[in-house]
Amino acid sequence: MENRVARVTEIIGASPKSFEDAVNNGFKRAIKTLRGITGMRIVEQRVAVEGNKIAEYRVRMEVIFLLES
C-alpha cells in the first residue's frame, strides 16, 4: 500500500431551498477545482433571515482530498 497524504479545505455552500441543496451546491463546485476528494464533513449549518423568513441555507464544510505525488 502506498503512503497517502490528504489535505482538508473549508468551503461554504448555500441554497435558497434547503441544507441538503446547499451541501450539493458546495460539492458540485468543489469537484470542479479539487481532484481526489475522499470525503466531506459538515461543520456548521446556518440560515440567513430576511423579512422574517429564511432567505438562504448555508453549510460550512471541510472537503478532504488526497494530495498528488
Protein backbone atom coordinates (compact mmCIF):
# COMPACT_ATOMS: atom_id res chain seq x y z
CA MET A 1 0.00 0.00 0.00
CA GLU A 2 1.24 3.43 -0.97
CA ASN A 3 1.78 6.23 1.54
CA ARG A 4 -1.04 8.72 1.20
CA VAL A 5 -1.32 12.28 2.41
CA ALA A 6 -4.60 14.18 2.50
CA ARG A 7 -5.47 17.83 2.81
CA VAL A 8 -8.57 19.50 4.21
CA THR A 9 -10.00 22.71 2.82
CA GLU A 10 -13.06 24.55 4.02
CA ILE A 11 -15.88 25.82 1.80
CA ILE A 12 -19.35 27.25 2.32
CA GLY A 13 -22.27 26.05 0.21
CA ALA A 14 -25.54 27.98 0.01
CA SER A 15 -29.05 27.47 -1.29
CA PRO A 16 -32.44 29.18 -1.03
CA LYS A 17 -34.09 25.71 -0.86
CA SER A 18 -32.56 23.51 1.87
CA PHE A 19 -29.46 22.41 3.77
CA GLU A 20 -29.25 19.33 1.53
CA ASP A 21 -29.24 21.52 -1.57
CA ALA A 22 -26.56 23.74 -0.01
CA VAL A 23 -24.36 20.65 0.54
CA ASN A 24 -24.90 19.52 -3.05
CA ASN A 25 -24.09 23.01 -4.38
CA GLY A 26 -20.86 23.09 -2.38
CA PHE A 27 -19.89 19.59 -3.52
CA LYS A 28 -20.63 20.32 -7.19
CA ARG A 29 -18.41 23.40 -7.01
CA ALA A 30 -15.61 21.58 -5.15
CA ILE A 31 -15.33 18.82 -7.78
CA LYS A 32 -14.72 21.46 -10.46
CA THR A 33 -11.50 22.52 -8.72
CA LEU A 34 -10.32 19.69 -6.46
CA ARG A 35 -9.23 16.21 -7.55
CA GLY A 36 -9.16 13.12 -5.37
CA ILE A 37 -11.96 14.06 -2.97
CA THR A 38 -12.42 11.25 -0.45
CA GLY A 39 -14.98 12.79 1.89
CA MET A 40 -16.60 15.83 3.42
CA ARG A 41 -17.62 16.82 6.92
CA ILE A 42 -20.41 19.25 7.66
CA VAL A 43 -19.02 21.58 10.32
CA GLU A 44 -21.86 24.06 10.70
CA GLN A 45 -25.34 24.87 9.44
CA ARG A 46 -26.77 28.40 9.43
CA VAL A 47 -29.61 30.30 7.85
CA ALA A 48 -29.87 33.87 6.61
CA VAL A 49 -33.13 35.61 7.52
CA GLU A 50 -34.75 38.47 5.60
CA GLY A 51 -38.20 39.88 6.26
CA ASN A 52 -38.98 37.29 8.96
CA LYS A 53 -38.38 34.44 6.50
CA ILE A 54 -35.47 32.09 5.83
CA ALA A 55 -33.76 33.54 2.78
CA GLU A 56 -30.80 31.14 2.45
CA TYR A 57 -29.48 27.91 3.95
CA ARG A 58 -25.72 27.76 4.44
CA VAL A 59 -23.36 24.92 5.32
CA ARG A 60 -19.70 25.15 6.23
CA MET A 61 -17.93 22.02 5.02
CA GLU A 62 -14.48 20.50 5.25
CA VAL A 63 -13.54 18.82 1.98
CA ILE A 64 -10.92 16.06 2.30
CA PHE A 65 -8.83 15.20 -0.75
CA LEU A 66 -5.62 13.28 -1.46
CA LEU A 67 -2.51 15.16 -2.47
CA GLU A 68 -1.00 14.03 -5.74
CA SER A 69 2.56 12.68 -5.86
